[in-house]
Amino acid sequence: MSYTVYGYVREPHHENGPTVEEQRDAILDFVNQTSSDDTINVDEIFTDDSSYWDVPWFERPAGSRLIGRLQPGDHISIATLGSIFRSIVDLCKTIDKLTNRTVSLSAIDCGLDTSLTIQRNFMAELNALAIDGPKEQIAEALQLKRMRGRPVNQNAPIGYQIRGRGADARYLPDPQERTVCYDIVRLHDEDDLSFRKIYSKFLRQRIKTKHGREWIPSRIWCAYHAAKECFPLPNGDRLPCFPWEREDPETGDAE
């Protein structure tokens, strides 16, 4: 089945946000590195300026043009969730609209990929927002847990496992998964293998994720960057497992 990949970026609303050029580069690199078909490229990247940060995505000028181009099976890639969504409620509603049109979305900064049935870190948020109740309060509660570095569901970030349930749930380093992630870094940086080639290698060797699934190219991409950044949690904290992870990823100094 043929499909088209589109990108979308928005000028940063805050000074510390990624620039338009950085977002574009991230999208092009991500699609190039993770596509299972060498012929798949980004057809067009749509851009809105920063003044539309509080306007719903498809009501923005470029966002409106983008949705007018979408066909069933198409894919949208964005660099950051913050370039589009104003809240988890907004995220949930927009993904519902795209899913109804058989359009998938990937967000590079967090590993969200709705072509994978909206799994991993966002499954619980979307399920929670689908129930009856005060959705804004649910979203605020989930955001508070994330800021405190506590699990919001049973899907741990790459490099982590979850022990306990409910209020007792906590993240612990996953040494087995981190070993695979460091193998990915070595294969990419030292052996000069693309993420597609690493995917093929893992497929031949029957190397599975901690959930028993295939290491698809997009997850390999996320694992590579997680390892390079010493496995940050959603709130920015890091829980070291190996001795070298106790060094600051920015300076190389021991903590």
Protein backbone atom coordinates (compact mmCIF):
# COMPACT_ATOMS: atom_id res chain seq x y z
CA MET A 1 0.00 0.00 0.00
CA SER A 2 1.43 3.40 -1.02
CA TYR A 3 1.34 6.29 1.41
CA THR A 4 2.80 9.76 1.87
CA VAL A 5 4.83 11.06 4.79
CA TYR A 6 4.38 14.70 5.83
CA GLY A 7 6.19 16.74 8.45
CA TYR A 8 4.92 19.58 10.59
CA VAL A 9 6.83 22.18 12.61
CA ARG A 10 5.95 25.32 14.50
CA GLU A 11 8.23 28.16 15.47
CA PRO A 12 9.05 27.88 19.20
CA HIS A 13 6.87 29.89 21.55
CA HIS A 14 9.68 30.00 24.13
CA GLU A 15 13.33 30.89 23.64
CA ASN A 16 14.58 27.48 24.74
CA GLY A 17 12.40 25.54 22.28
CA PRO A 18 13.90 23.79 19.24
CA THR A 19 14.17 26.04 16.19
CA VAL A 20 12.29 25.40 12.95
CA GLU A 21 15.53 24.21 11.36
CA GLU A 22 16.26 21.81 14.23
CA GLN A 23 12.74 20.38 14.02
CA ARG A 24 12.98 19.95 10.24
CA ASP A 25 16.36 18.23 10.51
CA ALA A 26 15.04 15.89 13.21
CA ILE A 27 12.03 14.91 11.07
CA LEU A 28 14.10 14.28 7.93
CA ASP A 29 16.69 12.27 9.86
CA PHE A 30 14.04 10.25 11.68
CA VAL A 31 12.14 9.30 8.51
CA ASN A 32 15.35 8.49 6.65
CA GLN A 33 16.70 6.32 9.46
CA THR A 34 13.54 4.48 10.42
CA SER A 35 11.64 3.88 7.19
CA SER A 36 11.62 0.23 6.15
CA ASP A 37 11.46 1.35 2.50
CA ASP A 38 14.34 3.33 0.98
CA THR A 39 11.90 5.01 -1.43
CA ILE A 40 9.89 6.65 1.39
CA ASN A 41 10.75 10.32 1.90
CA VAL A 42 9.06 13.33 3.45
CA ASP A 43 6.83 14.84 0.76
CA GLU A 44 6.48 18.23 2.43
CA ILE A 45 7.06 19.86 5.82
CA PHE A 46 4.37 22.36 6.82
CA THR A 47 5.36 25.32 9.02
CA ASP A 48 3.36 27.69 11.22
CA ASP A 49 4.78 30.65 13.10
CA SER A 50 4.86 30.99 16.88
CA SER A 51 1.75 33.18 17.08
CA TYR A 52 -0.43 30.10 16.54
CA TRP A 53 0.83 28.21 19.60
CA ASP A 54 -2.58 28.35 21.33
CA VAL A 55 -4.66 27.67 18.19
CA PRO A 56 -5.88 24.10 17.54
CA TRP A 57 -3.55 22.35 15.12
CA PHE A 58 -5.85 21.99 12.12
CA GLU A 59 -7.17 25.55 12.51
CA ARG A 60 -3.69 26.98 11.91
CA PRO A 61 -2.86 28.06 8.33
CA ALA A 62 -0.26 25.34 7.66
CA GLY A 63 -2.13 22.80 9.76
CA SER A 64 -5.28 23.41 7.72
CA ARG A 65 -3.37 22.90 4.46
CA LEU A 66 -1.86 19.70 5.86
CA ILE A 67 -5.18 18.12 6.80
CA GLY A 68 -6.52 18.99 3.35
CA ARG A 69 -3.72 16.92 1.79
CA LEU A 70 -4.12 13.81 3.94
CA GLN A 71 -5.27 10.55 2.42
CA PRO A 72 -6.00 7.22 4.20
CA GLY A 73 -2.74 5.50 5.13
CA ASP A 74 -0.66 8.70 5.22
CA HIS A 75 1.74 9.45 8.07
CA ILE A 76 2.64 12.69 9.86
CA SER A 77 5.94 13.13 11.68
CA ILE A 78 6.57 15.90 14.22
CA ALA A 79 9.67 16.65 16.25
CA THR A 80 7.96 17.56 19.53
CA LEU A 81 4.49 17.17 21.03
CA GLY A 82 4.72 20.77 22.23
CA SER A 83 4.69 22.05 18.65
CA ILE A 84 1.10 20.88 18.27
CA PHE A 85 -0.73 19.97 21.43
CA ARG A 86 -1.77 22.30 24.22
CA SER A 87 -2.82 19.55 26.62
CA ILE A 88 -3.27 15.80 26.93
CA VAL A 89 -6.98 16.33 26.20
CA ASP A 90 -6.04 18.07 22.95
CA LEU A 91 -3.67 15.20 22.13
CA CYS A 92 -6.39 12.61 22.71
CA LYS A 93 -8.99 14.38 20.57
CA THR A 94 -6.58 15.00 17.69
CA ILE A 95 -5.35 11.40 17.58
CA ASP A 96 -8.96 10.23 17.51
CA LYS A 97 -9.60 12.42 14.46
CA LEU A 98 -6.49 11.16 12.68
CA THR A 99 -7.24 7.53 13.53
CA ASN A 100 -10.74 7.88 12.10
CA ARG A 101 -9.11 9.01 8.84
CA THR A 102 -6.61 6.10 8.98
CA VAL A 103 -3.74 8.56 9.35
CA SER A 104 -0.88 7.82 11.76
CA LEU A 105 1.30 10.24 13.74
CA SER A 106 4.78 9.95 15.21
CA ALA A 107 6.32 12.35 17.73
CA ILE A 108 10.09 12.01 17.79
CA ASP A 109 10.79 13.49 21.22
CA CYS A 110 8.78 10.87 23.11
CA GLY A 111 8.58 7.84 20.84
CA LEU A 112 4.83 8.14 20.24
CA ASP A 113 3.80 6.27 17.08
CA THR A 114 0.08 5.77 16.52
CA SER A 115 0.75 3.24 13.76
CA LEU A 116 1.70 0.95 16.66
CA THR A 117 -1.83 1.18 18.13
CA ILE A 118 -0.88 4.03 20.43
CA GLN A 119 1.13 1.97 22.84
CA ARG A 120 3.92 2.42 25.38
CA ASN A 121 4.01 5.55 27.51
CA PHE A 122 0.76 7.10 26.23
CA MET A 123 -1.60 4.12 26.37
CA ALA A 124 -2.80 4.80 29.90
CA GLU A 125 -3.26 8.54 29.31
CA LEU A 126 -5.44 7.98 26.28
CA ASN A 127 -7.45 5.26 27.99
CA ALA A 128 -7.98 7.46 31.03
CA LEU A 129 -9.12 10.39 28.91
CA ALA A 130 -11.65 8.19 27.11
CA ILE A 131 -13.67 7.54 30.26
CA ASP A 132 -16.36 9.79 31.70
CA GLY A 133 -15.17 12.27 34.26
CA PRO A 134 -13.22 15.51 34.79
CA LYS A 135 -10.71 15.06 31.97
CA GLU A 136 -8.71 18.21 32.74
CA GLN A 137 -8.19 16.98 36.31
CA ILE A 138 -7.09 13.56 35.04
CA ALA A 139 -4.59 15.22 32.71
CA GLU A 140 -3.23 17.39 35.53
CA ALA A 141 -2.84 14.36 37.80
CA LEU A 142 -0.95 12.43 35.12
CA GLN A 143 1.30 15.42 34.47
CA LEU A 144 2.05 15.77 38.19
CA LYS A 145 3.05 12.10 38.45
CA ARG A 146 5.29 12.49 35.41
CA MET A 147 6.98 15.58 36.89
CA ARG A 148 7.69 13.61 40.07
CA GLY A 149 9.29 10.81 38.07
CA ARG A 150 6.56 8.31 38.97
CA PRO A 151 5.01 5.81 36.50
CA VAL A 152 1.69 6.86 35.00
CA ASN A 153 1.04 3.34 33.61
CA GLN A 154 2.72 -0.06 33.30
CA ASN A 155 4.72 0.87 30.17
CA ALA A 156 8.21 1.87 31.29
CA PRO A 157 10.45 4.21 29.27
CA ILE A 158 13.31 2.61 27.37
CA GLY A 159 16.00 1.46 29.79
CA TYR A 160 13.63 1.06 32.74
CA GLN A 161 11.34 -1.46 34.35
CA ILE A 162 8.50 -0.82 36.79
CA ARG A 163 8.29 -2.42 40.20
CA GLY A 164 5.16 -2.26 42.33
CA ARG A 165 1.69 -1.03 41.46
CA GLY A 166 -0.45 1.97 42.19
CA ALA A 167 1.05 4.39 44.69
CA ASP A 168 3.99 2.02 45.27
CA ALA A 169 5.02 1.89 41.59
CA ARG A 170 8.53 3.13 40.82
CA TYR A 171 11.07 3.03 38.01
CA LEU A 172 14.16 0.85 38.25
CA PRO A 173 16.97 0.55 35.68
CA ASP A 174 16.65 -2.40 33.28
CA PRO A 175 20.24 -3.62 32.72
CA GLN A 176 19.26 -6.15 30.05
CA GLU A 177 17.46 -3.60 27.87
CA ARG A 178 20.20 -1.02 28.40
CA THR A 179 22.79 -3.55 27.22
CA VAL A 180 20.83 -3.92 23.97
CA CYS A 181 20.60 -0.11 23.68
CA TYR A 182 24.38 0.24 24.03
CA ASP A 183 24.77 -2.46 21.37
CA ILE A 184 22.62 -0.29 19.11
CA VAL A 185 24.90 2.70 19.75
CA ARG A 186 27.99 0.62 18.95
CA LEU A 187 26.48 -0.82 15.76
CA HIS A 188 25.44 2.64 14.57
CA ASP A 189 28.46 4.71 15.62
CA GLU A 190 31.32 2.22 15.27
CA ASP A 191 30.08 -0.26 12.65
CA ASP A 192 28.29 2.49 10.69
CA LEU A 193 25.02 0.56 10.40
CA SER A 194 21.80 2.45 9.71
CA PHE A 195 18.82 1.83 11.97
CA ARG A 196 17.18 -0.13 9.16
CA LYS A 197 20.23 -2.42 8.96
CA ILE A 198 20.27 -2.83 12.74
CA TYR A 199 16.59 -3.81 12.52
CA SER A 200 17.43 -6.46 9.92
CA LYS A 201 20.32 -7.73 12.06
CA PHE A 202 18.13 -8.03 15.17
CA LEU A 203 15.45 -9.73 13.09
CA ARG A 204 17.93 -12.37 11.90
CA GLN A 205 19.28 -12.87 15.41
CA ARG A 206 15.74 -12.95 16.86
CA ILE A 207 16.53 -10.26 19.40
CA LYS A 208 13.28 -9.09 21.00
CA THR A 209 12.23 -6.15 23.15
CA LYS A 210 11.41 -6.63 26.83
CA HIS A 211 7.79 -7.11 25.71
CA GLY A 212 8.72 -9.92 23.33
CA ARG A 213 8.18 -7.83 20.18
CA GLU A 214 10.46 -6.99 17.27
CA TRP A 215 12.88 -4.08 17.56
CA ILE A 216 11.28 -1.97 14.83
CA PRO A 217 13.37 0.89 13.32
CA SER A 218 11.52 3.68 15.16
CA ARG A 219 12.08 2.01 18.53
CA ILE A 220 15.74 1.40 17.65
CA TRP A 221 16.02 5.13 16.90
CA CYS A 222 14.50 5.97 20.29
CA ALA A 223 16.75 3.45 22.07
CA TYR A 224 19.85 4.93 20.43
CA HIS A 225 19.04 8.45 21.63
CA ALA A 226 17.97 7.23 25.08
CA ALA A 227 21.36 5.54 25.52
CA LYS A 228 23.26 8.57 24.23
CA GLU A 229 21.47 10.70 26.83
CA CYS A 230 21.89 8.16 29.66
CA PHE A 231 18.21 7.20 29.76
CA PRO A 232 16.37 10.30 31.00
CA LEU A 233 13.00 9.81 32.67
CA PRO A 234 10.04 11.98 31.59
CA ASN A 235 10.90 14.52 34.30
CA GLY A 236 14.57 14.68 33.24
CA ASP A 237 15.96 12.57 36.11
CA ARG A 238 18.32 9.66 35.41
CA LEU A 239 18.75 6.44 37.39
CA PRO A 240 22.22 5.00 36.71
CA CYS A 241 22.76 1.28 36.32
CA PHE A 242 26.31 0.93 34.99
CA PRO A 243 29.34 2.88 36.33
CA TRP A 244 29.71 5.08 33.24
CA GLU A 245 26.10 6.23 33.58
CA ARG A 246 27.05 8.12 36.71
CA GLU A 247 28.82 10.67 34.51
CA ASP A 248 27.03 13.83 33.39
CA PRO A 249 26.08 13.27 29.72
CA GLU A 250 26.76 16.95 29.01
CA THR A 251 30.18 17.31 30.63
CA GLY A 252 31.42 13.76 31.18
CA ASP A 253 32.07 14.56 34.86
CA ALA A 254 31.14 12.02 37.54
CA GLU A 255 28.11 12.94 39.59
